[in-house]
Amino acid sequence: LAESGGGSVQSGGSLRLSCAASGSIFSLYGMGWYRQAPG
């Protein structure tokens, strides 16, 4: 899995993250986004 699309934005703004998958049959997998803030 390879994520892209992160960056810096002001409050109220928008971003679109992408995650490209390879190596297996993508359609068989559930996909998720998680996040981890400092600490």
All heavy atoms as atom14 arrays in JSON, in Angstrom:
{
  "sequence": "LAESGGGSVQSGGSLRLSCAASGSIFSLYGMGWYRQAPG",
  "atom14_mask": [
    [1, 1, 1, 1, 1, 1, 1, 1, 0, 0, 0, 0, 0, 0],
    [1, 1, 1, 1, 1, 0, 0, 0, 0, 0, 0, 0, 0, 0],
    [1, 1, 1, 1, 1, 1, 1, 1, 1, 0, 0, 0, 0, 0],
    [1, 1, 1, 1, 1, 1, 0, 0, 0, 0, 0, 0, 0, 0],
    [1, 1, 1, 1, 0, 0, 0, 0, 0, 0, 0, 0, 0, 0],
    [1, 1, 1, 1, 0, 0, 0, 0, 0, 0, 0, 0, 0, 0],
    [1, 1, 1, 1, 0, 0, 0, 0, 0, 0, 0, 0, 0, 0],
    [1, 1, 1, 1, 1, 1, 0, 0, 0, 0, 0, 0, 0, 0],
    [1, 1, 1, 1, 1, 1, 1, 0, 0, 0, 0, 0, 0, 0],
    [1, 1, 1, 1, 1, 1, 1, 1, 1, 0, 0, 0, 0, 0],
    [1, 1, 1, 1, 1, 1, 0, 0, 0, 0, 0, 0, 0, 0],
    [1, 1, 1, 1, 0, 0, 0, 0, 0, 0, 0, 0, 0, 0],
    [1, 1, 1, 1, 0, 0, 0, 0, 0, 0, 0, 0, 0, 0],
    [1, 1, 1, 1, 1, 1, 0, 0, 0, 0, 0, 0, 0, 0],
    [1, 1, 1, 1, 1, 1, 1, 1, 0, 0, 0, 0, 0, 0],
    [1, 1, 1, 1, 1, 1, 1, 1, 1, 1, 1, 0, 0, 0],
    [1, 1, 1, 1, 1, 1, 1, 1, 0, 0, 0, 0, 0, 0],
    [1, 1, 1, 1, 1, 1, 0, 0, 0, 0, 0, 0, 0, 0],
    [1, 1, 1, 1, 1, 1, 0, 0, 0, 0, 0, 0, 0, 0],
    [1, 1, 1, 1, 1, 0, 0, 0, 0, 0, 0, 0, 0, 0],
    [1, 1, 1, 1, 1, 0, 0, 0, 0, 0, 0, 0, 0, 0],
    [1, 1, 1, 1, 1, 1, 0, 0, 0, 0, 0, 0, 0, 0],
    [1, 1, 1, 1, 0, 0, 0, 0, 0, 0, 0, 0, 0, 0],
    [1, 1, 1, 1, 1, 1, 0, 0, 0, 0, 0, 0, 0, 0],
    [1, 1, 1, 1, 1, 1, 1, 1, 0, 0, 0, 0, 0, 0],
    [1, 1, 1, 1, 1, 1, 1, 1, 1, 1, 1, 0, 0, 0],
    [1, 1, 1, 1, 1, 1, 0, 0, 0, 0, 0, 0, 0, 0],
    [1, 1, 1, 1, 1, 1, 1, 1, 0, 0, 0, 0, 0, 0],
    [1, 1, 1, 1, 1, 1, 1, 1, 1, 1, 1, 1, 0, 0],
    [1, 1, 1, 1, 0, 0, 0, 0, 0, 0, 0, 0, 0, 0],
    [1, 1, 1, 1, 1, 1, 1, 1, 0, 0, 0, 0, 0, 0],
    [1, 1, 1, 1, 0, 0, 0, 0, 0, 0, 0, 0, 0, 0],
    [1, 1, 1, 1, 1, 1, 1, 1, 1, 1, 1, 1, 1, 1],
    [1, 1, 1, 1, 1, 1, 1, 1, 1, 1, 1, 1, 0, 0],
    [1, 1, 1, 1, 1, 1, 1, 1, 1, 1, 1, 0, 0, 0],
    [1, 1, 1, 1, 1, 1, 1, 1, 1, 0, 0, 0, 0, 0],
    [1, 1, 1, 1, 1, 0, 0, 0, 0, 0, 0, 0, 0, 0],
    [1, 1, 1, 1, 1, 1, 1, 0, 0, 0, 0, 0, 0, 0],
    [1, 1, 1, 1, 0, 0, 0, 0, 0, 0, 0, 0, 0, 0]
  ],
  "atom14_positions": [
    [[0.83, -1.2, 0.0], [0.0, 0.0, 0.0], [0.86, 1.24, 0.0], [1.86, 1.31, 0.72], [-0.9, 0.02, 1.24], [-1.82, -1.19, 1.43], [-2.48, -1.14, 2.8], [-2.88, -1.23, 0.33], [0.0, 0.0, 0.0], [0.0, 0.0, 0.0], [0.0, 0.0, 0.0], [0.0, 0.0, 0.0], [0.0, 0.0, 0.0], [0.0, 0.0, 0.0]],
    [[0.48, 2.23, -0.79], [1.23, 3.48, -0.86], [0.26, 4.65, -0.8], [-0.55, 4.83, -1.72], [2.05, 3.53, -2.14], [0.0, 0.0, 0.0], [0.0, 0.0, 0.0], [0.0, 0.0, 0.0], [0.0, 0.0, 0.0], [0.0, 0.0, 0.0], [0.0, 0.0, 0.0], [0.0, 0.0, 0.0], [0.0, 0.0, 0.0], [0.0, 0.0, 0.0]],
    [[0.35, 5.43, 0.27], [-0.51, 6.6, 0.44], [0.11, 7.83, -0.22], [1.34, 7.94, -0.31], [-0.75, 6.91, 1.93], [-1.35, 5.8, 2.75], [-0.33, 5.01, 3.53], [0.84, 4.98, 3.1], [-0.7, 4.43, 4.56], [0.0, 0.0, 0.0], [0.0, 0.0, 0.0], [0.0, 0.0, 0.0], [0.0, 0.0, 0.0], [0.0, 0.0, 0.0]],
    [[-0.74, 8.73, -0.62], [-0.31, 10.03, -1.14], [-1.41, 11.04, -0.91], [-2.54, 10.67, -0.57], [0.03, 9.94, -2.63], [-1.11, 9.55, -3.37], [0.0, 0.0, 0.0], [0.0, 0.0, 0.0], [0.0, 0.0, 0.0], [0.0, 0.0, 0.0], [0.0, 0.0, 0.0], [0.0, 0.0, 0.0], [0.0, 0.0, 0.0], [0.0, 0.0, 0.0]],
    [[-1.06, 12.32, -1.05], [-2.07, 13.37, -0.97], [-2.07, 14.16, 0.31], [-2.84, 15.11, 0.46], [0.0, 0.0, 0.0], [0.0, 0.0, 0.0], [0.0, 0.0, 0.0], [0.0, 0.0, 0.0], [0.0, 0.0, 0.0], [0.0, 0.0, 0.0], [0.0, 0.0, 0.0], [0.0, 0.0, 0.0], [0.0, 0.0, 0.0], [0.0, 0.0, 0.0]],
    [[-1.22, 13.78, 1.27], [-1.16, 14.55, 2.5], [-0.53, 15.91, 2.27], [0.0, 16.21, 1.2], [0.0, 0.0, 0.0], [0.0, 0.0, 0.0], [0.0, 0.0, 0.0], [0.0, 0.0, 0.0], [0.0, 0.0, 0.0], [0.0, 0.0, 0.0], [0.0, 0.0, 0.0], [0.0, 0.0, 0.0], [0.0, 0.0, 0.0], [0.0, 0.0, 0.0]],
    [[-0.58, 16.75, 3.3], [0.01, 18.07, 3.19], [-0.49, 18.97, 4.29], [-1.05, 18.51, 5.28], [0.0, 0.0, 0.0], [0.0, 0.0, 0.0], [0.0, 0.0, 0.0], [0.0, 0.0, 0.0], [0.0, 0.0, 0.0], [0.0, 0.0, 0.0], [0.0, 0.0, 0.0], [0.0, 0.0, 0.0], [0.0, 0.0, 0.0], [0.0, 0.0, 0.0]],
    [[-0.26, 20.26, 4.09], [-0.67, 21.27, 5.06], [-1.79, 22.1, 4.47], [-1.74, 22.49, 3.3], [0.51, 22.16, 5.42], [1.53, 21.42, 6.06], [0.0, 0.0, 0.0], [0.0, 0.0, 0.0], [0.0, 0.0, 0.0], [0.0, 0.0, 0.0], [0.0, 0.0, 0.0], [0.0, 0.0, 0.0], [0.0, 0.0, 0.0], [0.0, 0.0, 0.0]],
    [[-2.78, 22.37, 5.29], [-3.94, 23.13, 4.84], [-4.48, 23.94, 6.01], [-4.28, 23.57, 7.18], [-5.02, 22.16, 4.27], [-5.55, 21.24, 5.36], [-6.14, 22.9, 3.58], [0.0, 0.0, 0.0], [0.0, 0.0, 0.0], [0.0, 0.0, 0.0], [0.0, 0.0, 0.0], [0.0, 0.0, 0.0], [0.0, 0.0, 0.0], [0.0, 0.0, 0.0]],
    [[-5.15, 25.02, 5.7], [-5.76, 25.82, 6.75], [-7.1, 25.23, 7.17], [-7.75, 24.5, 6.4], [-5.93, 27.26, 6.28], [-4.61, 28.02, 6.16], [-4.82, 29.5, 5.99], [-5.81, 29.94, 5.42], [-3.87, 30.3, 6.49], [0.0, 0.0, 0.0], [0.0, 0.0, 0.0], [0.0, 0.0, 0.0], [0.0, 0.0, 0.0], [0.0, 0.0, 0.0]],
    [[-7.51, 25.57, 8.36], [-8.8, 25.12, 8.87], [-9.91, 25.48, 7.9], [-9.95, 26.58, 7.36], [-9.05, 25.77, 10.23], [-10.26, 25.34, 10.78], [0.0, 0.0, 0.0], [0.0, 0.0, 0.0], [0.0, 0.0, 0.0], [0.0, 0.0, 0.0], [0.0, 0.0, 0.0], [0.0, 0.0, 0.0], [0.0, 0.0, 0.0], [0.0, 0.0, 0.0]],
    [[-10.79, 24.52, 7.64], [-11.87, 24.7, 6.69], [-11.54, 24.23, 5.29], [-12.43, 24.15, 4.44], [0.0, 0.0, 0.0], [0.0, 0.0, 0.0], [0.0, 0.0, 0.0], [0.0, 0.0, 0.0], [0.0, 0.0, 0.0], [0.0, 0.0, 0.0], [0.0, 0.0, 0.0], [0.0, 0.0, 0.0], [0.0, 0.0, 0.0], [0.0, 0.0, 0.0]],
    [[-10.28, 23.91, 5.07], [-9.84, 23.46, 3.75], [-10.13, 21.99, 3.5], [-10.73, 21.31, 4.33], [0.0, 0.0, 0.0], [0.0, 0.0, 0.0], [0.0, 0.0, 0.0], [0.0, 0.0, 0.0], [0.0, 0.0, 0.0], [0.0, 0.0, 0.0], [0.0, 0.0, 0.0], [0.0, 0.0, 0.0], [0.0, 0.0, 0.0], [0.0, 0.0, 0.0]],
    [[-9.68, 21.53, 2.34], [-9.92, 20.16, 1.9], [-8.64, 19.51, 1.42], [-7.73, 20.19, 0.92], [-10.95, 20.13, 0.77], [-12.19, 20.63, 1.18], [0.0, 0.0, 0.0], [0.0, 0.0, 0.0], [0.0, 0.0, 0.0], [0.0, 0.0, 0.0], [0.0, 0.0, 0.0], [0.0, 0.0, 0.0], [0.0, 0.0, 0.0], [0.0, 0.0, 0.0]],
    [[-8.59, 18.21, 1.55], [-7.53, 17.38, 0.99], [-8.15, 16.07, 0.54], [-9.15, 15.62, 1.11], [-6.43, 17.09, 2.01], [-5.43, 18.19, 2.37], [-4.56, 17.73, 3.54], [-4.59, 18.58, 1.18], [0.0, 0.0, 0.0], [0.0, 0.0, 0.0], [0.0, 0.0, 0.0], [0.0, 0.0, 0.0], [0.0, 0.0, 0.0], [0.0, 0.0, 0.0]],
    [[-7.52, 15.44, -0.44], [-7.92, 14.1, -0.83], [-6.71, 13.18, -0.75], [-5.7, 13.4, -1.41], [-8.5, 14.05, -2.25], [-9.11, 12.68, -2.56], [-9.77, 12.61, -3.91], [-8.83, 12.41, -5.0], [-9.14, 11.83, -6.16], [-10.37, 11.4, -6.38], [-8.23, 11.71, -7.11], [0.0, 0.0, 0.0], [0.0, 0.0, 0.0], [0.0, 0.0, 0.0]],
    [[-6.84, 12.17, 0.08], [-5.8, 11.16, 0.2], [-6.1, 10.01, -0.75], [-7.26, 9.66, -0.96], [-5.73, 10.64, 1.63], [-5.53, 11.67, 2.74], [-5.42, 10.96, 4.09], [-4.34, 12.54, 2.49], [0.0, 0.0, 0.0], [0.0, 0.0, 0.0], [0.0, 0.0, 0.0], [0.0, 0.0, 0.0], [0.0, 0.0, 0.0], [0.0, 0.0, 0.0]],
    [[-5.03, 9.43, -1.28], [-5.15, 8.25, -2.13], [-4.27, 7.14, -1.56], [-3.23, 7.41, -0.96], [-4.69, 8.57, -3.56], [-5.46, 9.58, -4.14], [0.0, 0.0, 0.0], [0.0, 0.0, 0.0], [0.0, 0.0, 0.0], [0.0, 0.0, 0.0], [0.0, 0.0, 0.0], [0.0, 0.0, 0.0], [0.0, 0.0, 0.0], [0.0, 0.0, 0.0]],
    [[-4.71, 5.92, -1.79], [-3.93, 4.76, -1.37], [-3.97, 3.75, -2.51], [-5.03, 3.19, -2.81], [-4.49, 4.16, -0.1], [-3.71, 2.6, 0.4], [0.0, 0.0, 0.0], [0.0, 0.0, 0.0], [0.0, 0.0, 0.0], [0.0, 0.0, 0.0], [0.0, 0.0, 0.0], [0.0, 0.0, 0.0], [0.0, 0.0, 0.0], [0.0, 0.0, 0.0]],
    [[-2.82, 3.56, -3.14], [-2.72, 2.62, -4.25], [-2.25, 1.27, -3.72], [-1.28, 1.2, -2.96], [-1.74, 3.16, -5.29], [0.0, 0.0, 0.0], [0.0, 0.0, 0.0], [0.0, 0.0, 0.0], [0.0, 0.0, 0.0], [0.0, 0.0, 0.0], [0.0, 0.0, 0.0], [0.0, 0.0, 0.0], [0.0, 0.0, 0.0], [0.0, 0.0, 0.0]],
    [[-2.94, 0.23, -4.13], [-2.63, -1.12, -3.67], [-2.09, -1.96, -4.8], [-2.46, -1.79, -5.96], [-3.89, -1.76, -3.09], [0.0, 0.0, 0.0], [0.0, 0.0, 0.0], [0.0, 0.0, 0.0], [0.0, 0.0, 0.0], [0.0, 0.0, 0.0], [0.0, 0.0, 0.0], [0.0, 0.0, 0.0], [0.0, 0.0, 0.0], [0.0, 0.0, 0.0]],
    [[-1.22, -2.88, -4.44], [-0.69, -3.82, -5.43], [-0.38, -5.14, -4.74], [-0.27, -5.19, -3.52], [0.58, -3.27, -6.09], [1.6, -3.07, -5.12], [0.0, 0.0, 0.0], [0.0, 0.0, 0.0], [0.0, 0.0, 0.0], [0.0, 0.0, 0.0], [0.0, 0.0, 0.0], [0.0, 0.0, 0.0], [0.0, 0.0, 0.0], [0.0, 0.0, 0.0]],
    [[-0.3, -6.19, -5.54], [0.18, -7.45, -5.01], [-0.88, -8.5, -4.8], [-0.56, -9.65, -4.57], [0.0, 0.0, 0.0], [0.0, 0.0, 0.0], [0.0, 0.0, 0.0], [0.0, 0.0, 0.0], [0.0, 0.0, 0.0], [0.0, 0.0, 0.0], [0.0, 0.0, 0.0], [0.0, 0.0, 0.0], [0.0, 0.0, 0.0], [0.0, 0.0, 0.0]],
    [[-2.15, -8.12, -4.83], [-3.19, -9.12, -4.64], [-4.46, -8.64, -5.32], [-4.45, -7.64, -6.03], [-3.41, -9.39, -3.16], [-4.25, -10.52, -2.99], [0.0, 0.0, 0.0], [0.0, 0.0, 0.0], [0.0, 0.0, 0.0], [0.0, 0.0, 0.0], [0.0, 0.0, 0.0], [0.0, 0.0, 0.0], [0.0, 0.0, 0.0], [0.0, 0.0, 0.0]],
    [[-5.54, -9.33, -5.11], [-6.8, -8.96, -5.75], [-7.48, -7.91, -4.9], [-8.1, -8.22, -3.87], [-7.7, -10.19, -5.95], [-6.95, -11.26, -6.75], [-8.98, -9.78, -6.66], [-7.7, -12.55, -6.89], [0.0, 0.0, 0.0], [0.0, 0.0, 0.0], [0.0, 0.0, 0.0], [0.0, 0.0, 0.0], [0.0, 0.0, 0.0], [0.0, 0.0, 0.0]],
    [[-7.34, -6.66, -5.31], [-7.79, -5.51, -4.51], [-9.26, -5.62, -4.13], [-9.65, -5.33, -3.0], [-7.53, -4.24, -5.3], [-8.01, -2.98, -4.65], [-7.28, -2.4, -3.62], [-9.18, -2.36, -5.07], [-7.72, -1.23, -3.02], [-9.62, -1.2, -4.48], [-8.88, -0.63, -3.45], [0.0, 0.0, 0.0], [0.0, 0.0, 0.0], [0.0, 0.0, 0.0]],
    [[-10.09, -6.04, -5.07], [-11.53, -6.02, -4.85], [-11.97, -6.97, -3.73], [-13.08, -6.82, -3.21], [-12.27, -6.37, -6.14], [-11.93, -7.68, -6.57], [0.0, 0.0, 0.0], [0.0, 0.0, 0.0], [0.0, 0.0, 0.0], [0.0, 0.0, 0.0], [0.0, 0.0, 0.0], [0.0, 0.0, 0.0], [0.0, 0.0, 0.0], [0.0, 0.0, 0.0]],
    [[-11.14, -7.9, -3.35], [-11.5, -8.85, -2.28], [-11.26, -8.29, -0.89], [-11.72, -8.88, 0.09], [-10.7, -10.15, -2.44], [-10.95, -10.94, -3.73], [-10.09, -12.2, -3.73], [-12.41, -11.3, -3.89], [0.0, 0.0, 0.0], [0.0, 0.0, 0.0], [0.0, 0.0, 0.0], [0.0, 0.0, 0.0], [0.0, 0.0, 0.0], [0.0, 0.0, 0.0]],
    [[-10.56, -7.18, -0.81], [-10.15, -6.64, 0.48], [-11.03, -5.49, 0.92], [-11.42, -4.63, 0.12], [-8.71, -6.15, 0.41], [-7.7, -7.28, 0.43], [-7.45, -8.01, -0.72], [-7.02, -7.6, 1.59], [-6.54, -9.05, -0.72], [-6.11, -8.63, 1.61], [-5.87, -9.35, 0.46], [-4.97, -10.38, 0.47], [0.0, 0.0, 0.0], [0.0, 0.0, 0.0]],
    [[-11.32, -5.46, 2.2], [-11.83, -4.24, 2.78], [-10.68, -3.27, 2.92], [-9.52, -3.67, 3.07], [0.0, 0.0, 0.0], [0.0, 0.0, 0.0], [0.0, 0.0, 0.0], [0.0, 0.0, 0.0], [0.0, 0.0, 0.0], [0.0, 0.0, 0.0], [0.0, 0.0, 0.0], [0.0, 0.0, 0.0], [0.0, 0.0, 0.0], [0.0, 0.0, 0.0]],
    [[-11.0, -1.98, 2.86], [-9.96, -0.96, 2.92], [-10.35, 0.07, 3.97], [-11.51, 0.44, 4.11], [-9.81, -0.25, 1.56], [-9.44, -1.18, 0.41], [-7.82, -1.94, 0.62], [-6.75, -0.5, 0.62], [0.0, 0.0, 0.0], [0.0, 0.0, 0.0], [0.0, 0.0, 0.0], [0.0, 0.0, 0.0], [0.0, 0.0, 0.0], [0.0, 0.0, 0.0]],
    [[-9.32, 0.56, 4.67], [-9.61, 1.52, 5.72], [-8.58, 2.63, 5.78], [-7.47, 2.5, 5.27], [0.0, 0.0, 0.0], [0.0, 0.0, 0.0], [0.0, 0.0, 0.0], [0.0, 0.0, 0.0], [0.0, 0.0, 0.0], [0.0, 0.0, 0.0], [0.0, 0.0, 0.0], [0.0, 0.0, 0.0], [0.0, 0.0, 0.0], [0.0, 0.0, 0.0]],
    [[-8.99, 3.71, 6.4], [-8.1, 4.81, 6.73], [-8.1, 4.97, 8.26], [-9.17, 5.01, 8.88], [-8.55, 6.12, 6.09], [-8.29, 6.19, 4.62], [-9.18, 5.95, 3.62], [-7.06, 6.56, 4.0], [-8.57, 6.12, 2.4], [-7.27, 6.51, 2.61], [-5.8, 6.92, 4.46], [-6.27, 6.8, 1.67], [-4.81, 7.21, 3.55], [-5.05, 7.14, 2.17]],
    [[-6.91, 5.05, 8.81], [-6.7, 5.28, 10.23], [-5.85, 6.54, 10.36], [-5.19, 6.96, 9.42], [-5.98, 4.1, 10.87], [-6.83, 2.88, 11.07], [-7.26, 2.12, 9.98], [-7.21, 2.47, 12.34], [-8.04, 0.99, 10.15], [-7.99, 1.34, 12.54], [-8.4, 0.61, 11.44], [-9.18, -0.5, 11.62], [0.0, 0.0, 0.0], [0.0, 0.0, 0.0]],
    [[-5.82, 7.08, 11.56], [-4.93, 8.21, 11.82], [-4.34, 8.11, 13.21], [-4.95, 7.55, 14.11], [-5.64, 9.54, 11.62], [-6.74, 9.87, 12.62], [-7.47, 11.14, 12.19], [-8.51, 11.53, 13.13], [-9.38, 12.52, 12.91], [-9.32, 13.21, 11.78], [-10.29, 12.82, 13.81], [0.0, 0.0, 0.0], [0.0, 0.0, 0.0], [0.0, 0.0, 0.0]],
    [[-3.17, 8.7, 13.34], [-2.48, 8.71, 14.62], [-1.9, 10.09, 14.86], [-1.01, 10.54, 14.12], [-1.38, 7.65, 14.65], [-0.73, 7.49, 16.0], [0.13, 6.23, 16.08], [0.51, 5.66, 15.08], [0.42, 5.81, 17.3], [0.0, 0.0, 0.0], [0.0, 0.0, 0.0], [0.0, 0.0, 0.0], [0.0, 0.0, 0.0], [0.0, 0.0, 0.0]],
    [[-2.42, 10.75, 15.86], [-1.92, 12.06, 16.27], [-0.76, 11.86, 17.24], [-0.65, 10.81, 17.88], [-3.03, 12.87, 16.91], [0.0, 0.0, 0.0], [0.0, 0.0, 0.0], [0.0, 0.0, 0.0], [0.0, 0.0, 0.0], [0.0, 0.0, 0.0], [0.0, 0.0, 0.0], [0.0, 0.0, 0.0], [0.0, 0.0, 0.0], [0.0, 0.0, 0.0]],
    [[0.11, 12.86, 17.38], [1.26, 12.73, 18.28], [0.82, 12.37, 19.7], [-0.07, 13.02, 20.26], [1.91, 14.12, 18.24], [1.52, 14.66, 16.91], [0.14, 14.14, 16.65], [0.0, 0.0, 0.0], [0.0, 0.0, 0.0], [0.0, 0.0, 0.0], [0.0, 0.0, 0.0], [0.0, 0.0, 0.0], [0.0, 0.0, 0.0], [0.0, 0.0, 0.0]],
    [[1.42, 11.34, 20.24], [1.13, 10.94, 21.61], [-0.18, 10.2, 21.8], [-0.57, 9.92, 22.94], [0.0, 0.0, 0.0], [0.0, 0.0, 0.0], [0.0, 0.0, 0.0], [0.0, 0.0, 0.0], [0.0, 0.0, 0.0], [0.0, 0.0, 0.0], [0.0, 0.0, 0.0], [0.0, 0.0, 0.0], [0.0, 0.0, 0.0], [0.0, 0.0, 0.0]]
  ]
}
